[in-house]
């Protein structure tokens, strides 16, 4: 089995394919896991194989791995943690507890410096059956009553720490240390599989963020708007509306024609910066066209007009560019929700913007 685990570990950072899942299933059949009663501490490889084949996210992969880890070690609690190094805390994200009176609850957050995981990593001690003696200075371990502990790191391919895979108990029965150490290679394989899944999800999240953000202005892209509005419109409480301000820069084509596209880009970038500075953190600021922007906010009706005026003020400025002053102005139309149709709300704000633009032209 050790050779097989090493073979699987070499492939663990790639996408867990159907072939890898079938290989695990074959191992399960060859070792009799699927055909005969499973000893309490033998991992359920068929369950792991199924998880690899069907898991869509870290949680769906973690749950069966924790079940298998519990069967392997016989320890009362198995769990996955996330280490938030910037905040200097560790969070138990998913856990499986099998004995009343001893549980490591999901959502528990403890100072990273006080954790057994950090001590295990720093000292290179993956297992211990005498936590009170070895790490008696850990308040978290003492409060939780941990006697037996095993932990392996979950790392990205660049070696950075994401979290840990752990098992713990309040009692040490028999030769627990030796039995647990026997399963460390399998735990490390599980950790590598989890690390690979984490990296896939992080890469997908970055790709989505890039697709949802306009690179020039830093604002959200047009594709975000209807989804954001739909969520807000569906969850409004009594006395709330969603206000949409639709802004179009006046005479922007002349800026491009007279000073070049680099000057036009500088104007757009400054518009994005000003709108994002004016909006509240939970408002939406999006670039919806070449020189068209949208700001949406959830608010009470009486402050819809002050909201619109802030947008107009933010978009009236001068920008110095290569010794020349560029005067920037915008036409802004505002609409407030009277239903749950995002497209209709944006269309009304757009129409109000064109009414304002025509009025400005007529006054010249």
Protein backbone atom coordinates (compact mmCIF):
# COMPACT_ATOMS: atom_id res chain seq x y z
CA UNK A 1 0.00 0.00 0.00
CA UNK A 2 2.87 2.43 0.71
CA UNK A 3 4.04 2.26 -2.91
CA UNK A 4 0.51 2.88 -4.15
CA UNK A 5 0.10 5.88 -1.86
CA UNK A 6 3.35 7.36 -3.13
CA UNK A 7 2.14 6.88 -6.69
CA UNK A 8 -1.13 8.63 -5.90
CA UNK A 9 0.65 11.42 -4.06
CA UNK A 10 2.73 12.17 -7.16
CA UNK A 11 -0.52 12.88 -9.02
CA UNK A 12 -2.36 14.58 -6.19
CA UNK A 13 -1.65 18.14 -7.37
CA UNK A 14 -3.25 17.47 -10.73
CA UNK A 15 -7.00 17.40 -11.27
CA UNK A 16 -8.40 14.28 -9.56
CA UNK A 17 -9.59 12.49 -12.67
CA UNK A 18 -11.96 9.61 -13.19
CA UNK A 19 -8.90 7.45 -13.87
CA UNK A 20 -7.44 8.32 -10.46
CA UNK A 21 -10.76 7.61 -8.81
CA UNK A 22 -10.97 4.24 -10.62
CA UNK A 23 -7.44 3.44 -9.43
CA UNK A 24 -8.49 4.02 -5.84
CA UNK A 25 -11.57 1.87 -6.38
CA UNK A 26 -9.39 -0.89 -7.84
CA UNK A 27 -7.18 -0.70 -4.74
CA UNK A 28 -10.24 -0.94 -2.54
CA UNK A 29 -11.42 -4.06 -4.38
CA UNK A 30 -7.97 -5.63 -4.44
CA UNK A 31 -7.54 -5.20 -0.70
CA UNK A 32 -11.03 -6.49 0.02
CA UNK A 33 -12.33 -3.16 1.31
CA UNK A 34 -15.41 -3.33 -0.91
CA UNK A 35 -16.00 -7.09 -0.54
CA UNK A 36 -15.68 -7.77 3.17
CA UNK A 37 -16.25 -6.08 6.53
CA UNK A 38 -13.96 -3.08 6.98
CA UNK A 39 -11.80 -3.00 10.12
CA UNK A 40 -12.59 0.04 12.26
CA UNK A 41 -9.30 1.76 11.46
CA UNK A 42 -8.97 0.96 7.77
CA UNK A 43 -9.71 3.88 5.41
CA UNK A 44 -12.79 3.60 3.22
CA UNK A 45 -10.92 3.90 -0.06
CA UNK A 46 -14.01 3.36 -2.19
CA UNK A 47 -15.66 6.31 -0.44
CA UNK A 48 -12.58 8.43 -1.07
CA UNK A 49 -12.53 7.37 -4.73
CA UNK A 50 -16.15 8.41 -5.14
CA UNK A 51 -15.41 11.77 -3.49
CA UNK A 52 -12.51 12.41 -5.86
CA UNK A 53 -14.70 11.68 -8.86
CA UNK A 54 -17.72 13.72 -7.83
CA UNK A 55 -16.52 16.54 -5.53
CA UNK A 56 -17.25 20.03 -6.80
CA UNK A 57 -15.61 21.95 -3.96
CA UNK A 58 -13.42 21.64 -0.87
CA UNK A 59 -16.33 20.79 1.43
CA UNK A 60 -17.59 17.93 -0.76
CA UNK A 61 -14.10 16.45 -0.82
CA UNK A 62 -13.41 17.06 2.86
CA UNK A 63 -16.48 15.36 4.37
CA UNK A 64 -15.71 11.81 3.11
CA UNK A 65 -12.00 12.28 3.84
CA UNK A 66 -12.81 13.12 7.47
CA UNK A 67 -15.00 10.02 7.65
CA UNK A 68 -12.17 7.89 6.26
CA UNK A 69 -9.69 9.51 8.64
CA UNK A 70 -11.94 8.70 11.60
CA UNK A 71 -12.07 5.07 10.50
CA UNK A 72 -8.30 4.95 10.09
CA UNK A 73 -7.31 6.50 13.41
CA UNK A 74 -10.25 5.61 15.64
CA UNK A 75 -10.01 9.13 17.11
CA UNK A 76 -13.16 10.92 18.22
CA UNK A 77 -12.72 14.13 16.22
CA UNK A 78 -11.38 14.64 12.72
CA UNK A 79 -11.37 18.09 11.20
CA UNK A 80 -9.99 20.50 8.63
CA UNK A 81 -8.76 23.95 9.57
CA UNK A 82 -8.00 27.13 7.65
CA UNK A 83 -5.09 29.27 8.84
CA UNK A 84 -5.69 33.01 8.44
CA UNK A 85 -2.11 34.15 8.89
CA UNK A 86 -2.89 37.83 8.24
CA UNK A 87 -5.39 37.78 11.12
CA UNK A 88 -3.21 35.40 13.15
CA UNK A 89 -6.07 32.98 13.79
CA UNK A 90 -6.98 29.40 12.91
CA UNK A 91 -10.55 28.38 12.09
CA UNK A 92 -12.07 24.90 12.19
CA UNK A 93 -13.91 24.88 8.86
CA UNK A 94 -15.25 21.29 8.76
CA UNK A 95 -15.31 18.65 11.48
CA UNK A 96 -16.62 15.17 12.25
CA UNK A 97 -17.23 14.23 15.89
CA UNK A 98 -18.22 10.74 17.02
CA UNK A 99 -18.21 10.81 20.81
CA UNK A 100 -20.48 12.76 23.14
CA UNK A 101 -18.56 15.00 25.48
CA UNK A 102 -15.62 15.59 23.16
CA UNK A 103 -16.04 17.67 20.03
CA UNK A 104 -14.09 20.13 17.94
CA UNK A 105 -16.92 22.36 16.65
CA UNK A 106 -17.07 23.90 13.20
CA UNK A 107 -16.54 27.64 13.29
CA UNK A 108 -14.24 27.57 16.32
CA UNK A 109 -11.55 30.25 15.95
CA UNK A 110 -8.43 30.35 18.13
CA UNK A 111 -5.24 32.44 18.07
CA UNK A 112 -2.80 30.81 15.63
CA UNK A 113 0.12 31.20 18.05
CA UNK A 114 -1.75 29.12 20.67
CA UNK A 115 -2.65 26.20 18.40
CA UNK A 116 -1.33 22.67 18.47
CA UNK A 117 -1.06 22.79 14.69
CA UNK A 118 1.50 25.57 14.82
CA UNK A 119 3.49 23.72 17.47
CA UNK A 120 3.32 20.51 15.42
CA UNK A 121 4.62 22.32 12.34
CA UNK A 122 7.32 24.25 14.16
CA UNK A 123 8.62 21.16 15.97
CA UNK A 124 8.09 18.61 13.21
CA UNK A 125 5.97 16.53 15.59
CA UNK A 126 2.94 15.27 13.66
CA UNK A 127 1.60 13.02 16.47
CA UNK A 128 1.50 12.95 20.23
CA UNK A 129 -0.54 11.01 22.80
CA UNK A 130 0.36 13.26 25.74
CA UNK A 131 -0.63 16.79 24.79
CA UNK A 132 -0.87 18.08 28.40
CA UNK A 133 2.80 17.19 28.97
CA UNK A 134 4.21 18.06 25.55
CA UNK A 135 2.21 21.25 24.89
CA UNK A 136 0.80 22.17 28.27
CA UNK A 137 1.10 25.89 27.47
CA UNK A 138 -1.73 25.73 24.93
CA UNK A 139 -4.87 27.25 26.45
CA UNK A 140 -6.98 26.01 23.53
CA UNK A 141 -5.85 22.39 23.98
CA UNK A 142 -6.42 22.54 27.72
CA UNK A 143 -9.90 24.07 27.34
CA UNK A 144 -10.88 21.42 24.78
CA UNK A 145 -9.43 18.54 26.79
CA UNK A 146 -7.18 17.23 24.03
CA UNK A 147 -4.98 14.25 24.97
CA UNK A 148 -4.15 12.73 21.56
CA UNK A 149 -3.34 14.87 18.55
CA UNK A 150 -2.23 14.40 14.95
CA UNK A 151 -1.89 17.13 12.34
CA UNK A 152 -0.54 17.44 8.79
CA UNK A 153 -0.34 20.69 6.79
CA UNK A 154 -2.47 21.46 3.74
CA UNK A 155 -0.23 23.42 1.39
CA UNK A 156 -0.45 24.98 -2.04
CA UNK A 157 2.01 23.85 -4.72
CA UNK A 158 4.30 26.79 -3.89
CA UNK A 159 4.64 25.53 -0.32
CA UNK A 160 2.45 28.23 1.26
CA UNK A 161 0.27 27.06 4.14
CA UNK A 162 -3.51 27.04 3.64
CA UNK A 163 -4.66 24.94 6.59
CA UNK A 164 -4.31 21.61 8.34
CA UNK A 165 -5.93 18.17 8.44
CA UNK A 166 -6.21 16.92 12.01
CA UNK A 167 -7.52 14.26 14.35
CA UNK A 168 -7.81 14.48 18.13
CA UNK A 169 -9.19 12.71 21.17
CA UNK A 170 -9.47 13.14 24.93
CA UNK A 171 -8.26 9.61 25.72
CA UNK A 172 -5.37 7.42 24.57
CA UNK A 173 -6.35 3.73 24.35
CA UNK A 174 -3.79 1.08 23.46
CA UNK A 175 -0.86 1.88 21.22
CA UNK A 176 -2.58 4.87 19.65
CA UNK A 177 0.67 6.63 18.71
CA UNK A 178 2.00 3.72 16.69
CA UNK A 179 -1.35 3.16 14.97
CA UNK A 180 -1.69 6.83 14.09
CA UNK A 181 1.86 7.12 12.77
CA UNK A 182 1.13 4.19 10.47
CA UNK A 183 -1.55 6.24 8.75
CA UNK A 184 0.46 9.45 8.37
CA UNK A 185 1.34 8.75 4.68
CA UNK A 186 -2.37 8.42 3.88
CA UNK A 187 -3.17 11.59 5.83
CA UNK A 188 -0.50 13.44 3.87
CA UNK A 189 -2.03 12.15 0.64
CA UNK A 190 -5.43 13.43 1.77
CA UNK A 191 -3.83 16.79 2.56
CA UNK A 192 -2.29 16.97 -0.91
CA UNK A 193 -5.61 16.18 -2.55
CA UNK A 194 -7.22 18.94 -0.49
CA UNK A 195 -4.42 21.36 -1.34
CA UNK A 196 -4.96 20.68 -5.05
CA UNK A 197 -8.69 21.33 -4.70
CA UNK A 198 -8.00 24.56 -2.82
CA UNK A 199 -5.72 25.77 -5.61
CA UNK A 200 -8.31 24.98 -8.26
CA UNK A 201 -10.95 26.94 -6.38
CA UNK A 202 -8.60 29.87 -5.80
CA UNK A 203 -7.66 29.95 -9.49
CA UNK A 204 -11.35 29.88 -10.46
CA UNK A 205 -12.11 32.68 -8.00
CA UNK A 206 -9.31 34.83 -9.44
CA UNK A 207 -10.55 34.19 -12.97
CA UNK A 208 -14.09 35.18 -12.00
CA UNK A 209 -12.84 38.31 -10.24
CA UNK A 210 -10.85 39.32 -13.30
CA UNK A 211 -13.83 38.70 -15.57
CA UNK A 212 -16.05 40.73 -13.25
CA UNK A 213 -13.69 43.73 -13.04
CA UNK A 214 -12.94 46.36 -15.65
CA UNK A 215 -9.12 46.51 -15.76
CA UNK A 216 -8.88 50.19 -16.72
CA UNK A 217 -11.16 51.71 -14.09
CA UNK A 218 -11.20 49.08 -11.33
CA UNK A 219 -15.01 49.13 -11.42
CA UNK A 220 -17.20 46.08 -11.82
CA UNK A 221 -17.89 44.97 -15.37
CA UNK A 222 -21.26 45.13 -17.08
CA UNK A 223 -21.84 41.39 -16.58
CA UNK A 224 -22.14 41.90 -12.80
CA UNK A 225 -24.95 44.46 -12.91
CA UNK A 226 -28.14 42.45 -13.46
CA UNK A 227 -27.16 39.72 -11.01
CA UNK A 228 -26.31 42.26 -8.29
CA UNK A 229 -29.55 44.16 -8.85
CA UNK A 230 -31.62 40.97 -8.86
CA UNK A 231 -30.27 39.97 -5.45
CA UNK A 232 -30.93 43.40 -3.96
CA UNK A 233 -34.40 43.79 -5.46
CA UNK A 234 -35.45 40.37 -4.18
CA UNK A 235 -34.40 41.13 -0.60
CA UNK A 236 -35.66 44.71 -0.09
CA UNK A 237 -37.42 45.42 3.18
CA UNK A 238 -40.33 47.80 3.68
CA UNK A 239 -39.28 51.40 3.09
CA UNK A 240 -36.24 50.52 0.95
CA UNK A 241 -35.57 51.00 -2.73
CA UNK A 242 -32.68 50.36 -5.08
CA UNK A 243 -31.50 53.57 -6.73
CA UNK A 244 -29.55 53.41 -9.99
CA UNK A 245 -27.54 56.35 -11.30
CA UNK A 246 -26.58 56.02 -14.96
CA UNK A 247 -23.78 58.38 -16.04
CA UNK A 248 -22.47 59.23 -19.50
CA UNK A 249 -19.46 61.53 -19.95
CA UNK A 250 -20.19 64.64 -21.99
CA UNK A 251 -18.05 65.30 -25.08
CA UNK A 252 -15.79 62.35 -24.36
CA UNK A 253 -15.23 61.68 -28.08
CA UNK A 254 -13.70 65.14 -28.45
CA UNK A 255 -11.21 64.35 -25.67
CA UNK A 256 -10.09 61.23 -27.54
CA UNK A 257 -9.99 63.03 -30.89
CA UNK A 258 -8.12 66.09 -29.63
CA UNK A 259 -5.72 64.57 -27.08
CA UNK A 260 -5.57 60.89 -28.00
CA UNK A 261 -6.78 57.67 -26.45
CA UNK A 262 -4.17 57.74 -23.68
CA UNK A 263 -5.74 60.96 -22.39
CA UNK A 264 -9.19 59.39 -22.72
CA UNK A 265 -8.05 56.37 -20.72
CA UNK A 266 -6.67 58.67 -18.02
CA UNK A 267 -10.07 60.37 -17.78
CA UNK A 268 -11.90 57.03 -17.53
CA UNK A 269 -9.53 55.79 -14.84
CA UNK A 270 -10.08 58.97 -12.82
CA UNK A 271 -13.85 58.66 -13.22
CA UNK A 272 -13.68 55.10 -11.88
CA UNK A 273 -11.55 56.19 -8.94
CA UNK A 274 -13.90 59.06 -8.05
CA UNK A 275 -17.05 56.96 -8.29
CA UNK A 276 -15.58 54.20 -6.13
CA UNK A 277 -14.48 56.78 -3.56
CA UNK A 278 -17.98 58.34 -3.53
CA UNK A 279 -19.89 55.05 -3.21
CA UNK A 280 -20.31 53.14 0.02
CA UNK A 281 -18.47 49.83 0.36
CA UNK A 282 -21.60 47.77 -0.31
CA UNK A 283 -22.80 49.84 -3.30
CA UNK A 284 -22.20 48.73 -6.88
CA UNK A 285 -20.00 50.79 -9.21
CA UNK A 286 -19.75 49.43 -12.75
CA UNK A 287 -18.46 50.51 -16.14
CA UNK A 288 -21.23 49.53 -18.53
CA UNK A 289 -19.95 51.00 -21.79
CA UNK A 290 -17.06 52.96 -23.30
CA UNK A 291 -17.74 56.14 -21.29
CA UNK A 292 -20.86 55.00 -19.43
CA UNK A 293 -20.93 54.14 -15.74
CA UNK A 294 -23.56 52.91 -13.31
CA UNK A 295 -23.77 53.32 -9.56
CA UNK A 296 -26.45 51.39 -7.67
CA UNK A 297 -27.33 51.60 -4.00
CA UNK A 298 -29.88 50.21 -1.61
CA UNK A 299 -31.37 53.10 0.37
CA UNK A 300 -34.52 54.85 1.56
CA UNK A 301 -36.37 56.93 -1.07
CA UNK A 302 -35.74 60.30 0.59
CA UNK A 303 -31.99 60.09 -0.01
CA UNK A 304 -32.20 59.04 -3.67
CA UNK A 305 -31.73 62.62 -4.91
CA UNK A 306 -28.78 63.40 -2.59
CA UNK A 307 -27.29 60.10 -3.80
CA UNK A 308 -27.64 61.29 -7.41
CA UNK A 309 -26.17 64.69 -6.58
CA UNK A 310 -23.07 63.05 -5.08
CA UNK A 311 -22.54 61.21 -8.36
CA UNK A 312 -22.91 64.43 -10.38
CA UNK A 313 -20.46 66.24 -8.10
CA UNK A 314 -17.93 63.42 -8.36
CA UNK A 315 -18.07 63.62 -12.16
CA UNK A 316 -17.45 67.36 -12.44
CA UNK A 317 -13.68 67.86 -12.29
CA UNK A 318 -10.58 69.00 -14.12
CA UNK A 319 -7.71 66.72 -15.00
CA UNK A 320 -4.24 67.99 -15.85
CA UNK A 321 -2.67 66.08 -18.70
CA UNK A 322 0.66 67.05 -20.29
CA UNK A 323 0.23 70.69 -19.37
CA UNK A 324 -3.36 70.86 -20.56
CA UNK A 325 -6.47 71.01 -18.40
CA UNK A 326 -9.25 68.61 -19.36
CA UNK A 327 -12.69 69.61 -18.13
CA UNK A 328 -14.84 66.58 -17.37
CA UNK A 329 -18.60 66.67 -16.99
CA UNK A 330 -21.28 63.99 -17.11
CA UNK A 331 -24.99 63.62 -17.61
CA UNK A 332 -26.55 61.52 -14.86
CA UNK A 333 -29.97 59.91 -14.83
CA UNK A 334 -31.46 58.31 -11.75
CA UNK A 335 -34.27 55.79 -11.30
CA UNK A 336 -35.57 54.03 -8.21
CA UNK A 337 -37.08 50.58 -8.10
CA UNK A 338 -40.81 49.99 -8.40
CA UNK A 339 -40.62 46.26 -9.07
CA UNK A 340 -38.16 43.41 -9.30
CA UNK A 341 -36.97 43.67 -12.92
CA UNK A 342 -33.26 44.68 -13.03
CA UNK A 343 -33.24 45.36 -16.78
CA UNK A 344 -36.26 47.66 -16.52
CA UNK A 345 -34.66 49.63 -13.68
CA UNK A 346 -31.44 50.15 -15.65
CA UNK A 347 -33.42 51.14 -18.75
CA UNK A 348 -35.31 53.83 -16.81
CA UNK A 349 -32.06 55.23 -15.39
CA UNK A 350 -30.56 55.22 -18.89
CA UNK A 351 -33.59 57.05 -20.29
CA UNK A 352 -33.36 59.64 -17.48
CA UNK A 353 -29.70 60.18 -18.35
CA UNK A 354 -30.55 60.90 -21.99
CA UNK A 355 -33.28 63.33 -20.88
CA UNK A 356 -30.69 65.21 -18.84
CA UNK A 357 -28.17 65.17 -21.71
CA UNK A 358 -30.76 66.57 -24.14
CA UNK A 359 -31.65 69.27 -21.62
CA UNK A 360 -28.00 70.23 -21.20
CA UNK A 361 -27.59 70.51 -24.97
CA UNK A 362 -30.71 72.65 -25.22
CA UNK A 363 -29.40 75.06 -22.58
CA UNK A 364 -26.14 75.72 -24.44
